[in-house]
Every structure is written in structure tokens, then in C-alpha cells.
Amino acid sequence: MSAAPNSGAPVTKPTRQATDKRPRGSSRSTSEVLTAISLKSPPTEQAPLNSLESEEFDFSLQVGYLLRKSYQRHTAIFQALCSDPQLTQVQFAVLCAIGGLGTSSLKQIGKAAALDPATTGSVIDRLKDRELVVANLDTSDRRKVLVALTNEGRELIKTMIPVGKNISEMTLSGLTEAEKLTFISLLRKTSVS
């Protein structure tokens, strides 16, 4: 902080509260945002990066980009073939995890489905709303929630397992059997955390 001339009081930078009259938590209106954008100068003309004297970097050959493209293709196939239009891939994974584990805690389900605790809880809530799972407090440890499949959840898994196999086959179509095995093996190897 610097002192103001001719006064002993420190000078501080105004805070949002001092300069902005909007209530806390409110956002800017669309017209305010558009005005702020239009007041900025247009971007300057730039040469493409690949014409600069630097190392070659083709983003479309990078692992993250290629994995995202593959995942987009897989998602499109899942959505086209899924017998339940409300079911997401993550929900299906959670249902399968519960089916494989039996009655289990949120922590166990999250670990089996490779989900963080917040996502696991959110997915379980959606599945409860659809009456595909039930969740109750553990009688021996009231801090723990135990989740189990309902009959509807079991039936949905039974219906979806052959569909899931078909989705995987279609996602890997175009690969030889040896390439499919190699691809799955490499995905497992790179997904170890």
C-alpha cells in the first residue's frame, strides 16, 4: 500500500463491493457483457503457429485429442443403441458396479466405477429418482449409506448387457481382433492411477 499525498492514510485499491452497485451474487446482464466485449479492440492479425520457427506440434495427433474423438464416437454409438433413452454411460457403469458388488457403500461404488464421491452421490440420486436403486443408512454405521439394485434396476442391467457388448464392438469396429486386444490392454495400462 502506498500513502496518499499530504495524508497519512494508506491508499487501497477499490474492491468490487465499493465499485459495483449490483447485489452480491448477481451477474452482469447480457447487454453489459456485449457492451464490454464491443469496447475491446479487435484481435490483431496473427500468423498460424505452424509457420513460426518452432517445434512442430499437431494437436490432432496428441493423445488427449484422439481419446476425446474416440470417446465422442463411443458416446454417439451408446446413445443410438441404448434401450433406455434416459440412461447415461456413467449411470450404466454405476448400475453394473452395484450389480457386481451387491449391496455396497458409496465409496465402494465410486471406486468400482472410477468416480469421485460427489459424482457418485449425484448419480445414485438420479438412479434413486428413477427407482433403479435404493439407498439406506447402514444399521451398524449410521455415517455410511448402502445402495442396492431394485428389481427394475436388475432388469435394466439384464437388458443393457448385450447392448453394452454391441456398443463396445461397434466402437472398436475397423480394428482386427489383435488390435482390439492391444487397444484394450493399452487403455488399461494408461488408466492406472
N, C-alpha and C. Protein backbone atom coordinates (compact mmCIF):
# COMPACT_ATOMS: atom_id res chain seq x y z
N MET A 1 0.85 -1.18 0.00
CA MET A 1 0.00 0.00 0.00
C MET A 1 0.89 1.23 0.00
N SER A 2 0.46 2.24 -0.69
CA SER A 2 1.22 3.49 -0.69
C SER A 2 0.40 4.56 0.02
N ALA A 3 1.09 5.51 0.55
CA ALA A 3 0.41 6.60 1.27
C ALA A 3 -0.05 7.65 0.29
N ALA A 4 -1.23 8.22 0.56
CA ALA A 4 -1.75 9.28 -0.29
C ALA A 4 -0.96 10.55 -0.01
N PRO A 5 -0.76 11.40 -1.04
CA PRO A 5 -0.02 12.63 -0.80
C PRO A 5 -0.74 13.49 0.23
N ASN A 6 0.02 14.13 1.08
CA ASN A 6 -0.47 15.06 2.11
C ASN A 6 -1.43 14.42 3.11
N SER A 7 -1.48 13.10 3.21
CA SER A 7 -2.28 12.47 4.25
C SER A 7 -1.54 11.25 4.73
N GLY A 8 -1.75 10.89 5.93
CA GLY A 8 -1.08 9.73 6.49
C GLY A 8 -1.85 8.44 6.24
N ALA A 9 -3.02 8.49 5.56
CA ALA A 9 -3.84 7.31 5.36
C ALA A 9 -3.33 6.49 4.17
N PRO A 10 -3.33 5.18 4.30
CA PRO A 10 -2.90 4.34 3.18
C PRO A 10 -3.95 4.36 2.07
N VAL A 11 -3.50 4.20 0.84
CA VAL A 11 -4.40 4.13 -0.32
C VAL A 11 -4.58 2.67 -0.67
N THR A 12 -5.81 2.26 -0.80
CA THR A 12 -6.09 0.88 -1.17
C THR A 12 -6.86 0.85 -2.48
N LYS A 13 -6.72 -0.25 -3.18
CA LYS A 13 -7.44 -0.44 -4.44
C LYS A 13 -8.91 -0.69 -4.11
N PRO A 14 -9.83 -0.03 -4.84
CA PRO A 14 -11.24 -0.24 -4.55
C PRO A 14 -11.62 -1.71 -4.80
N THR A 15 -12.45 -2.24 -3.96
CA THR A 15 -12.91 -3.62 -4.14
C THR A 15 -14.17 -3.63 -4.98
N ARG A 16 -14.60 -4.84 -5.40
CA ARG A 16 -15.82 -4.98 -6.19
C ARG A 16 -17.00 -4.37 -5.44
N GLN A 17 -17.04 -4.61 -4.12
CA GLN A 17 -18.17 -4.10 -3.35
C GLN A 17 -18.24 -2.58 -3.38
N ALA A 18 -17.08 -1.93 -3.42
CA ALA A 18 -17.07 -0.47 -3.39
C ALA A 18 -17.42 0.13 -4.74
N THR A 19 -17.13 -0.58 -5.83
CA THR A 19 -17.33 0.00 -7.15
C THR A 19 -18.56 -0.54 -7.88
N ASP A 20 -19.06 -1.68 -7.47
CA ASP A 20 -20.16 -2.32 -8.18
C ASP A 20 -21.42 -2.24 -7.33
N LYS A 21 -22.47 -1.68 -7.87
CA LYS A 21 -23.70 -1.50 -7.11
C LYS A 21 -24.64 -2.69 -7.21
N ARG A 22 -24.26 -3.76 -7.98
CA ARG A 22 -25.12 -4.94 -8.08
C ARG A 22 -25.09 -5.70 -6.77
N PRO A 23 -26.20 -6.36 -6.44
CA PRO A 23 -26.20 -7.19 -5.23
C PRO A 23 -25.20 -8.33 -5.37
N ARG A 24 -24.62 -8.73 -4.26
CA ARG A 24 -23.64 -9.82 -4.26
C ARG A 24 -24.28 -11.08 -4.85
N GLY A 25 -23.55 -11.75 -5.74
CA GLY A 25 -24.04 -12.98 -6.35
C GLY A 25 -24.79 -12.75 -7.65
N SER A 26 -25.14 -11.50 -7.98
CA SER A 26 -25.84 -11.27 -9.24
C SER A 26 -24.82 -11.18 -10.36
N SER A 27 -25.26 -11.50 -11.55
CA SER A 27 -24.33 -11.47 -12.68
C SER A 27 -24.65 -10.31 -13.60
N ARG A 28 -23.73 -10.05 -14.51
CA ARG A 28 -23.92 -8.96 -15.45
C ARG A 28 -25.00 -9.33 -16.45
N SER A 29 -25.73 -8.32 -16.91
CA SER A 29 -26.75 -8.57 -17.91
C SER A 29 -26.08 -8.85 -19.25
N THR A 30 -26.83 -9.43 -20.15
CA THR A 30 -26.31 -9.72 -21.48
C THR A 30 -25.84 -8.46 -22.18
N SER A 31 -26.61 -7.37 -22.05
CA SER A 31 -26.21 -6.13 -22.71
C SER A 31 -24.92 -5.57 -22.11
N GLU A 32 -24.73 -5.73 -20.79
CA GLU A 32 -23.48 -5.27 -20.17
C GLU A 32 -22.28 -6.06 -20.71
N VAL A 33 -22.47 -7.37 -20.84
CA VAL A 33 -21.38 -8.21 -21.35
C VAL A 33 -21.08 -7.85 -22.80
N LEU A 34 -22.11 -7.71 -23.63
CA LEU A 34 -21.90 -7.37 -25.04
C LEU A 34 -21.24 -6.00 -25.19
N THR A 35 -21.63 -5.05 -24.36
CA THR A 35 -21.01 -3.72 -24.40
C THR A 35 -19.54 -3.83 -24.03
N ALA A 36 -19.22 -4.59 -22.99
CA ALA A 36 -17.82 -4.75 -22.58
C ALA A 36 -17.00 -5.40 -23.68
N ILE A 37 -17.59 -6.37 -24.38
CA ILE A 37 -16.88 -7.04 -25.46
C ILE A 37 -16.65 -6.09 -26.63
N SER A 38 -17.68 -5.31 -26.98
CA SER A 38 -17.56 -4.42 -28.13
C SER A 38 -16.58 -3.29 -27.89
N LEU A 39 -16.31 -2.94 -26.63
CA LEU A 39 -15.37 -1.87 -26.33
C LEU A 39 -13.91 -2.31 -26.47
N LYS A 40 -13.70 -3.61 -26.48
CA LYS A 40 -12.34 -4.12 -26.63
C LYS A 40 -11.92 -4.02 -28.09
N SER A 41 -10.64 -3.83 -28.30
CA SER A 41 -10.16 -3.74 -29.68
C SER A 41 -10.16 -5.12 -30.32
N PRO A 42 -10.35 -5.18 -31.64
CA PRO A 42 -10.38 -6.48 -32.32
C PRO A 42 -9.00 -7.13 -32.23
N PRO A 43 -8.96 -8.46 -32.33
CA PRO A 43 -7.66 -9.13 -32.26
C PRO A 43 -6.78 -8.73 -33.43
N THR A 44 -5.50 -8.71 -33.18
CA THR A 44 -4.56 -8.37 -34.25
C THR A 44 -4.36 -9.59 -35.13
N GLU A 45 -3.99 -9.34 -36.36
CA GLU A 45 -3.73 -10.42 -37.32
C GLU A 45 -2.51 -11.21 -36.86
N GLN A 46 -2.65 -12.53 -36.80
CA GLN A 46 -1.55 -13.37 -36.37
C GLN A 46 -1.26 -14.44 -37.41
N ALA A 47 -0.01 -14.76 -37.54
CA ALA A 47 0.39 -15.84 -38.43
C ALA A 47 0.08 -17.17 -37.76
N PRO A 48 -0.29 -18.20 -38.51
CA PRO A 48 -0.51 -19.51 -37.90
C PRO A 48 0.77 -19.98 -37.21
N LEU A 49 0.60 -20.67 -36.10
CA LEU A 49 1.75 -21.12 -35.32
C LEU A 49 2.68 -22.03 -36.13
N ASN A 50 2.10 -22.86 -37.01
CA ASN A 50 2.97 -23.79 -37.72
C ASN A 50 3.89 -23.10 -38.72
N SER A 51 3.64 -21.83 -39.00
CA SER A 51 4.54 -21.11 -39.91
C SER A 51 5.66 -20.41 -39.14
N LEU A 52 5.56 -20.43 -37.80
CA LEU A 52 6.60 -19.83 -36.98
C LEU A 52 7.77 -20.79 -36.86
N GLU A 53 8.91 -20.25 -36.52
CA GLU A 53 10.07 -21.11 -36.33
C GLU A 53 10.00 -21.71 -34.93
N SER A 54 9.31 -22.84 -34.81
CA SER A 54 9.20 -23.54 -33.54
C SER A 54 9.04 -25.02 -33.83
N GLU A 55 9.08 -25.81 -32.77
CA GLU A 55 8.91 -27.25 -32.92
C GLU A 55 7.54 -27.53 -33.50
N GLU A 56 7.44 -28.56 -34.32
CA GLU A 56 6.15 -28.96 -34.87
C GLU A 56 5.27 -29.52 -33.75
N PHE A 57 4.05 -29.13 -33.73
CA PHE A 57 3.08 -29.65 -32.77
C PHE A 57 1.74 -29.71 -33.46
N ASP A 58 1.29 -30.91 -33.77
CA ASP A 58 -0.01 -31.10 -34.39
C ASP A 58 -0.96 -31.61 -33.31
N PHE A 59 -1.84 -30.74 -32.83
CA PHE A 59 -2.73 -31.11 -31.73
C PHE A 59 -3.59 -32.31 -32.09
N SER A 60 -3.91 -32.47 -33.38
CA SER A 60 -4.79 -33.57 -33.78
C SER A 60 -4.10 -34.93 -33.71
N LEU A 61 -2.81 -34.94 -33.41
CA LEU A 61 -2.09 -36.20 -33.23
C LEU A 61 -1.78 -36.48 -31.76
N GLN A 62 -2.27 -35.64 -30.87
CA GLN A 62 -1.98 -35.79 -29.45
C GLN A 62 -2.96 -36.76 -28.79
N VAL A 63 -2.50 -37.42 -27.75
CA VAL A 63 -3.27 -38.46 -27.06
C VAL A 63 -4.63 -37.94 -26.59
N GLY A 64 -4.65 -36.81 -25.91
CA GLY A 64 -5.91 -36.29 -25.37
C GLY A 64 -6.93 -36.03 -26.46
N TYR A 65 -6.48 -35.45 -27.55
CA TYR A 65 -7.38 -35.16 -28.67
C TYR A 65 -7.95 -36.46 -29.25
N LEU A 66 -7.08 -37.43 -29.47
CA LEU A 66 -7.52 -38.70 -30.07
C LEU A 66 -8.43 -39.48 -29.13
N LEU A 67 -8.13 -39.45 -27.82
CA LEU A 67 -9.01 -40.11 -26.86
C LEU A 67 -10.39 -39.44 -26.84
N ARG A 68 -10.39 -38.12 -26.89
CA ARG A 68 -11.68 -37.38 -26.90
C ARG A 68 -12.49 -37.73 -28.13
N LYS A 69 -11.83 -37.79 -29.29
CA LYS A 69 -12.54 -38.15 -30.53
C LYS A 69 -13.11 -39.57 -30.44
N SER A 70 -12.32 -40.49 -29.91
CA SER A 70 -12.80 -41.87 -29.75
C SER A 70 -13.98 -41.91 -28.78
N TYR A 71 -13.87 -41.15 -27.69
CA TYR A 71 -14.94 -41.13 -26.71
C TYR A 71 -16.22 -40.51 -27.29
N GLN A 72 -16.07 -39.49 -28.11
CA GLN A 72 -17.24 -38.89 -28.76
C GLN A 72 -17.94 -39.92 -29.65
N ARG A 73 -17.15 -40.70 -30.38
CA ARG A 73 -17.71 -41.74 -31.25
C ARG A 73 -18.43 -42.78 -30.39
N HIS A 74 -17.78 -43.21 -29.31
CA HIS A 74 -18.37 -44.20 -28.41
C HIS A 74 -19.68 -43.69 -27.82
N THR A 75 -19.70 -42.43 -27.40
CA THR A 75 -20.90 -41.84 -26.82
C THR A 75 -22.04 -41.81 -27.83
N ALA A 76 -21.75 -41.45 -29.06
CA ALA A 76 -22.78 -41.42 -30.12
C ALA A 76 -23.35 -42.82 -30.34
N ILE A 77 -22.49 -43.83 -30.34
CA ILE A 77 -22.96 -45.21 -30.52
C ILE A 77 -23.81 -45.62 -29.32
N PHE A 78 -23.37 -45.28 -28.11
CA PHE A 78 -24.14 -45.60 -26.89
C PHE A 78 -25.53 -44.97 -26.98
N GLN A 79 -25.59 -43.71 -27.32
CA GLN A 79 -26.89 -43.02 -27.38
C GLN A 79 -27.80 -43.61 -28.45
N ALA A 80 -27.21 -44.03 -29.57
CA ALA A 80 -28.01 -44.59 -30.65
C ALA A 80 -28.56 -45.98 -30.31
N LEU A 81 -27.80 -46.78 -29.57
CA LEU A 81 -28.19 -48.16 -29.31
C LEU A 81 -28.84 -48.40 -27.95
N CYS A 82 -28.67 -47.49 -27.02
CA CYS A 82 -29.18 -47.68 -25.67
C CYS A 82 -30.70 -47.86 -25.68
N SER A 83 -31.17 -48.90 -25.01
CA SER A 83 -32.60 -49.18 -24.99
C SER A 83 -33.38 -48.24 -24.07
N ASP A 84 -32.67 -47.52 -23.22
CA ASP A 84 -33.29 -46.58 -22.29
C ASP A 84 -32.74 -45.19 -22.58
N PRO A 85 -33.53 -44.32 -23.21
CA PRO A 85 -33.01 -43.00 -23.61
C PRO A 85 -32.59 -42.10 -22.44
N GLN A 86 -33.03 -42.41 -21.21
CA GLN A 86 -32.65 -41.60 -20.05
C GLN A 86 -31.34 -42.07 -19.43
N LEU A 87 -30.88 -43.24 -19.78
CA LEU A 87 -29.70 -43.82 -19.16
C LEU A 87 -28.42 -43.25 -19.78
N THR A 88 -27.52 -42.79 -18.92
CA THR A 88 -26.23 -42.30 -19.38
C THR A 88 -25.17 -43.40 -19.21
N GLN A 89 -24.02 -43.20 -19.84
CA GLN A 89 -22.94 -44.17 -19.72
C GLN A 89 -22.49 -44.30 -18.27
N VAL A 90 -22.41 -43.20 -17.57
CA VAL A 90 -21.97 -43.22 -16.17
C VAL A 90 -23.00 -43.95 -15.31
N GLN A 91 -24.27 -43.70 -15.54
CA GLN A 91 -25.31 -44.39 -14.79
C GLN A 91 -25.25 -45.90 -15.04
N PHE A 92 -25.01 -46.27 -16.29
CA PHE A 92 -24.89 -47.70 -16.63
C PHE A 92 -23.69 -48.31 -15.91
N ALA A 93 -22.58 -47.61 -15.88
CA ALA A 93 -21.39 -48.10 -15.18
C ALA A 93 -21.68 -48.27 -13.69
N VAL A 94 -22.40 -47.33 -13.09
CA VAL A 94 -22.73 -47.43 -11.66
C VAL A 94 -23.68 -48.60 -11.41
N LEU A 95 -24.68 -48.76 -12.26
CA LEU A 95 -25.58 -49.91 -12.11
C LEU A 95 -24.81 -51.23 -12.21
N CYS A 96 -23.90 -51.32 -13.18
CA CYS A 96 -23.09 -52.53 -13.34
C CYS A 96 -22.19 -52.75 -12.12
N ALA A 97 -21.63 -51.66 -11.59
CA ALA A 97 -20.78 -51.77 -10.40
C ALA A 97 -21.59 -52.33 -9.23
N ILE A 98 -22.78 -51.80 -9.01
CA ILE A 98 -23.63 -52.29 -7.92
C ILE A 98 -24.03 -53.74 -8.18
N GLY A 99 -24.34 -54.05 -9.43
CA GLY A 99 -24.70 -55.43 -9.78
C GLY A 99 -23.56 -56.39 -9.49
N GLY A 100 -22.33 -55.97 -9.75
CA GLY A 100 -21.17 -56.82 -9.50
C GLY A 100 -20.80 -56.91 -8.03
N LEU A 101 -21.03 -55.83 -7.29
CA LEU A 101 -20.65 -55.80 -5.87
C LEU A 101 -21.75 -56.31 -4.95
N GLY A 102 -23.00 -56.17 -5.37
CA GLY A 102 -24.11 -56.40 -4.45
C GLY A 102 -24.30 -55.14 -3.63
N THR A 103 -25.06 -55.22 -2.56
CA THR A 103 -25.29 -54.06 -1.69
C THR A 103 -23.93 -53.51 -1.27
N SER A 104 -23.71 -52.22 -1.51
CA SER A 104 -22.39 -51.65 -1.23
C SER A 104 -22.48 -50.18 -0.88
N SER A 105 -21.38 -49.67 -0.33
CA SER A 105 -21.31 -48.27 0.08
C SER A 105 -21.03 -47.38 -1.12
N LEU A 106 -21.29 -46.10 -0.93
CA LEU A 106 -20.99 -45.13 -2.00
C LEU A 106 -19.51 -45.16 -2.35
N LYS A 107 -18.65 -45.32 -1.36
CA LYS A 107 -17.21 -45.35 -1.59
C LYS A 107 -16.84 -46.55 -2.46
N GLN A 108 -17.39 -47.72 -2.16
CA GLN A 108 -17.11 -48.91 -2.95
C GLN A 108 -17.60 -48.76 -4.39
N ILE A 109 -18.78 -48.19 -4.54
CA ILE A 109 -19.36 -47.99 -5.88
C ILE A 109 -18.51 -47.01 -6.67
N GLY A 110 -18.13 -45.91 -6.04
CA GLY A 110 -17.29 -44.91 -6.71
C GLY A 110 -15.97 -45.49 -7.16
N LYS A 111 -15.36 -46.30 -6.30
CA LYS A 111 -14.09 -46.92 -6.67
C LYS A 111 -14.27 -47.87 -7.84
N ALA A 112 -15.30 -48.69 -7.81
CA ALA A 112 -15.54 -49.66 -8.88
C ALA A 112 -15.86 -48.98 -10.21
N ALA A 113 -16.57 -47.84 -10.15
CA ALA A 113 -16.97 -47.14 -11.38
C ALA A 113 -16.00 -46.03 -11.75
N ALA A 114 -14.92 -45.88 -10.99
CA ALA A 114 -13.90 -44.84 -11.23
C ALA A 114 -14.50 -43.44 -11.19
N LEU A 115 -15.25 -43.15 -10.12
CA LEU A 115 -15.90 -41.84 -9.96
C LEU A 115 -15.50 -41.22 -8.63
N ASP A 116 -15.47 -39.89 -8.59
CA ASP A 116 -15.21 -39.19 -7.34
C ASP A 116 -16.47 -39.25 -6.48
N PRO A 117 -16.35 -39.00 -5.17
CA PRO A 117 -17.51 -39.12 -4.27
C PRO A 117 -18.70 -38.23 -4.65
N ALA A 118 -18.45 -37.00 -5.05
CA ALA A 118 -19.56 -36.10 -5.40
C ALA A 118 -20.34 -36.63 -6.61
N THR A 119 -19.63 -37.09 -7.62
CA THR A 119 -20.29 -37.62 -8.82
C THR A 119 -21.04 -38.89 -8.48
N THR A 120 -20.44 -39.75 -7.68
CA THR A 120 -21.10 -41.00 -7.27
C THR A 120 -22.43 -40.68 -6.58
N GLY A 121 -22.40 -39.76 -5.63
CA GLY A 121 -23.63 -39.39 -4.92
C GLY A 121 -24.69 -38.83 -5.84
N SER A 122 -24.27 -38.00 -6.78
CA SER A 122 -25.20 -37.40 -7.73
C SER A 122 -25.84 -38.46 -8.64
N VAL A 123 -25.03 -39.39 -9.11
CA VAL A 123 -25.55 -40.46 -9.98
C VAL A 123 -26.52 -41.35 -9.19
N ILE A 124 -26.16 -41.68 -7.96
CA ILE A 124 -27.04 -42.50 -7.13
C ILE A 124 -28.37 -41.79 -6.91
N ASP A 125 -28.34 -40.48 -6.68
CA ASP A 125 -29.58 -39.72 -6.51
C ASP A 125 -30.47 -39.83 -7.75
N ARG A 126 -29.88 -39.72 -8.92
CA ARG A 126 -30.67 -39.82 -10.16
C ARG A 126 -31.24 -41.23 -10.32
N LEU A 127 -30.44 -42.23 -10.00
CA LEU A 127 -30.91 -43.62 -10.11
C LEU A 127 -32.01 -43.90 -9.07
N LYS A 128 -31.91 -43.29 -7.88
CA LYS A 128 -32.98 -43.43 -6.88
C LYS A 128 -34.26 -42.79 -7.39
N ASP A 129 -34.15 -41.61 -8.01
CA ASP A 129 -35.33 -40.92 -8.55
C ASP A 129 -36.05 -41.79 -9.58
N ARG A 130 -35.28 -42.58 -10.30
CA ARG A 130 -35.86 -43.46 -11.32
C ARG A 130 -36.23 -44.83 -10.75
N GLU A 131 -36.04 -44.99 -9.44
CA GLU A 131 -36.35 -46.23 -8.73
C GLU A 131 -35.58 -47.44 -9.28
N LEU A 132 -34.32 -47.18 -9.67
CA LEU A 132 -33.45 -48.26 -10.15
C LEU A 132 -32.55 -48.77 -9.01
N VAL A 133 -32.39 -47.95 -7.97
CA VAL A 133 -31.63 -48.35 -6.78
C VAL A 133 -32.36 -47.85 -5.53
N VAL A 134 -32.03 -48.46 -4.41
CA VAL A 134 -32.48 -47.97 -3.11
C VAL A 134 -31.24 -47.69 -2.29
N ALA A 135 -31.32 -46.70 -1.42
CA ALA A 135 -30.20 -46.35 -0.56
C ALA A 135 -30.72 -46.19 0.87
N ASN A 136 -30.02 -46.81 1.80
CA ASN A 136 -30.39 -46.75 3.22
C ASN A 136 -29.14 -46.59 4.06
N LEU A 137 -29.32 -46.02 5.25
CA LEU A 137 -28.20 -45.93 6.19
C LEU A 137 -27.83 -47.32 6.68
N ASP A 138 -26.55 -47.55 6.81
CA ASP A 138 -26.03 -48.81 7.34
C ASP A 138 -26.43 -48.89 8.81
N THR A 139 -27.06 -49.98 9.23
CA THR A 139 -27.51 -50.10 10.63
C THR A 139 -26.33 -50.19 11.60
N SER A 140 -25.17 -50.68 11.12
CA SER A 140 -24.02 -50.79 12.03
C SER A 140 -23.15 -49.53 12.02
N ASP A 141 -23.31 -48.68 11.01
CA ASP A 141 -22.53 -47.43 10.93
C ASP A 141 -23.40 -46.38 10.25
N ARG A 142 -24.05 -45.56 11.04
CA ARG A 142 -25.04 -44.61 10.51
C ARG A 142 -24.43 -43.52 9.64
N ARG A 143 -23.09 -43.46 9.56
CA ARG A 143 -22.44 -42.49 8.66
C ARG A 143 -22.38 -43.03 7.23
N LYS A 144 -22.59 -44.32 7.07
CA LYS A 144 -22.44 -44.98 5.78
C LYS A 144 -23.79 -45.23 5.13
N VAL A 145 -23.86 -44.95 3.82
CA VAL A 145 -25.07 -45.23 3.04
C VAL A 145 -24.80 -46.49 2.22
N LEU A 146 -25.73 -47.42 2.26
CA LEU A 146 -25.63 -48.65 1.48
C LEU A 146 -26.64 -48.59 0.34
N VAL A 147 -26.18 -49.00 -0.85
CA VAL A 147 -27.01 -48.92 -2.05
C VAL A 147 -27.19 -50.31 -2.63
N ALA A 148 -28.40 -50.60 -3.08
CA ALA A 148 -28.71 -51.88 -3.72
C ALA A 148 -29.60 -51.64 -4.94
N LEU A 149 -29.58 -52.59 -5.85
CA LEU A 149 -30.44 -52.51 -7.03
C LEU A 149 -31.87 -52.86 -6.67
N THR A 150 -32.82 -52.22 -7.33
CA THR A 150 -34.22 -52.63 -7.25
C THR A 150 -34.44 -53.67 -8.34
N ASN A 151 -35.62 -54.28 -8.37
CA ASN A 151 -35.94 -55.23 -9.44
C ASN A 151 -35.85 -54.54 -10.80
N GLU A 152 -36.30 -53.26 -10.85
CA GLU A 152 -36.24 -52.51 -12.11
C GLU A 152 -34.79 -52.30 -12.54
N GLY A 153 -33.92 -52.03 -11.57
CA GLY A 153 -32.50 -51.85 -11.87
C GLY A 153 -31.88 -53.12 -12.39
N ARG A 154 -32.22 -54.27 -11.77
CA ARG A 154 -31.71 -55.56 -12.24
C ARG A 154 -32.17 -55.85 -13.67
N GLU A 155 -33.43 -55.58 -13.93
CA GLU A 155 -33.97 -55.84 -15.27
C GLU A 155 -33.30 -54.96 -16.33
N LEU A 156 -33.05 -53.71 -15.96
CA LEU A 156 -32.39 -52.81 -16.91
C LEU A 156 -30.98 -53.30 -17.22
N ILE A 157 -30.25 -53.75 -16.22
CA ILE A 157 -28.90 -54.28 -16.46
C ILE A 157 -28.98 -55.50 -17.39
N LYS A 158 -29.92 -56.41 -17.11
CA LYS A 158 -30.05 -57.61 -17.95
C LYS A 158 -30.33 -57.23 -19.40
N THR A 159 -31.14 -56.19 -19.59
CA THR A 159 -31.46 -55.73 -20.95
C THR A 159 -30.25 -55.06 -21.60
N MET A 160 -29.50 -54.31 -20.80
CA MET A 160 -28.41 -53.49 -21.35
C MET A 160 -27.10 -54.24 -21.57
N ILE A 161 -26.86 -55.35 -20.89
CA ILE A 161 -25.57 -56.03 -21.04
C ILE A 161 -25.29 -56.44 -22.48
N PRO A 162 -26.24 -57.08 -23.19
CA PRO A 162 -25.95 -57.41 -24.60
C PRO A 162 -25.79 -56.15 -25.46
N VAL A 163 -26.54 -55.11 -25.12
CA VAL A 163 -26.42 -53.83 -25.84
C VAL A 163 -25.04 -53.24 -25.58
N GLY A 164 -24.59 -53.29 -24.33
CA GLY A 164 -23.27 -52.78 -23.98
C GLY A 164 -22.16 -53.49 -24.74
N LYS A 165 -22.29 -54.81 -24.87
CA LYS A 165 -21.29 -55.58 -25.64
C LYS A 165 -21.30 -55.13 -27.10
N ASN A 166 -22.49 -54.92 -27.64
CA ASN A 166 -22.61 -54.46 -29.03
C ASN A 166 -22.01 -53.06 -29.20
N ILE A 167 -22.23 -52.20 -28.23
CA ILE A 167 -21.67 -50.84 -28.27
C ILE A 167 -20.15 -50.91 -28.31
N SER A 168 -19.57 -51.76 -27.46
CA SER A 168 -18.10 -51.91 -27.46
C SER A 168 -17.60 -52.44 -28.79
N GLU A 169 -18.30 -53.44 -29.34
CA GLU A 169 -17.90 -54.00 -30.64
C GLU A 169 -17.94 -52.93 -31.74
N MET A 170 -19.02 -52.14 -31.74
CA MET A 170 -19.14 -51.10 -32.76
C MET A 170 -18.08 -50.00 -32.58
N THR A 171 -17.77 -49.68 -31.32
CA THR A 171 -16.74 -48.68 -31.06
C THR A 171 -15.40 -49.13 -31.61
N LEU A 172 -15.12 -50.41 -31.52
CA LEU A 172 -13.83 -50.95 -31.97
C LEU A 172 -13.89 -51.51 -33.39
N SER A 173 -15.02 -51.33 -34.07
CA SER A 173 -15.11 -51.84 -35.44
C SER A 173 -14.03 -51.17 -36.28
N GLY A 174 -13.50 -51.92 -37.21
CA GLY A 174 -12.41 -51.39 -38.02
C GLY A 174 -11.06 -51.86 -37.52
N LEU A 175 -11.03 -52.41 -36.31
CA LEU A 175 -9.79 -52.96 -35.77
C LEU A 175 -9.82 -54.48 -35.91
N THR A 176 -8.66 -55.07 -36.11
CA THR A 176 -8.57 -56.52 -36.13
C THR A 176 -8.73 -57.02 -34.69
N GLU A 177 -8.93 -58.33 -34.53
CA GLU A 177 -9.05 -58.89 -33.18
C GLU A 177 -7.78 -58.62 -32.37
N ALA A 178 -6.62 -58.75 -33.00
CA ALA A 178 -5.36 -58.48 -32.30
C ALA A 178 -5.26 -57.01 -31.91
N GLU A 179 -5.69 -56.10 -32.79
CA GLU A 179 -5.66 -54.66 -32.47
C GLU A 179 -6.62 -54.33 -31.33
N LYS A 180 -7.79 -54.99 -31.32
CA LYS A 180 -8.75 -54.76 -30.23
C LYS A 180 -8.14 -55.14 -28.88
N LEU A 181 -7.51 -56.31 -28.83
CA LEU A 181 -6.87 -56.76 -27.59
C LEU A 181 -5.76 -55.81 -27.17
N THR A 182 -4.96 -55.38 -28.14
CA THR A 182 -3.87 -54.44 -27.85
C THR A 182 -4.42 -53.11 -27.35
N PHE A 183 -5.44 -52.61 -28.02
CA PHE A 183 -6.05 -51.33 -27.65
C PHE A 183 -6.57 -51.38 -26.21
N ILE A 184 -7.34 -52.43 -25.88
CA ILE A 184 -7.88 -52.57 -24.53
C ILE A 184 -6.73 -52.68 -23.51
N SER A 185 -5.72 -53.44 -23.85
CA SER A 185 -4.57 -53.60 -22.96
C SER A 185 -3.87 -52.27 -22.71
N LEU A 186 -3.68 -51.49 -23.75
CA LEU A 186 -3.02 -50.19 -23.62
C LEU A 186 -3.88 -49.20 -22.84
N LEU A 187 -5.18 -49.22 -23.06
CA LEU A 187 -6.08 -48.35 -22.29
C LEU A 187 -6.00 -48.69 -20.80
N ARG A 188 -6.01 -49.98 -20.49
CA ARG A 188 -5.90 -50.39 -19.08
C ARG A 188 -4.58 -49.91 -18.49
N LYS A 189 -3.51 -50.07 -19.27
CA LYS A 189 -2.18 -49.70 -18.78
C LYS A 189 -2.08 -48.20 -18.52
N THR A 190 -2.66 -47.37 -19.41
CA THR A 190 -2.56 -45.93 -19.25
C THR A 190 -3.58 -45.37 -18.27
N SER A 191 -4.60 -46.15 -17.89
CA SER A 191 -5.61 -45.63 -16.97
C SER A 191 -5.33 -45.97 -15.51
N VAL A 192 -4.20 -46.61 -15.25
CA VAL A 192 -3.83 -46.93 -13.88
C VAL A 192 -3.46 -45.63 -13.18
N SER A 193 -4.08 -45.41 -12.02
CA SER A 193 -3.77 -44.15 -11.31
C SER A 193 -2.91 -44.38 -10.11
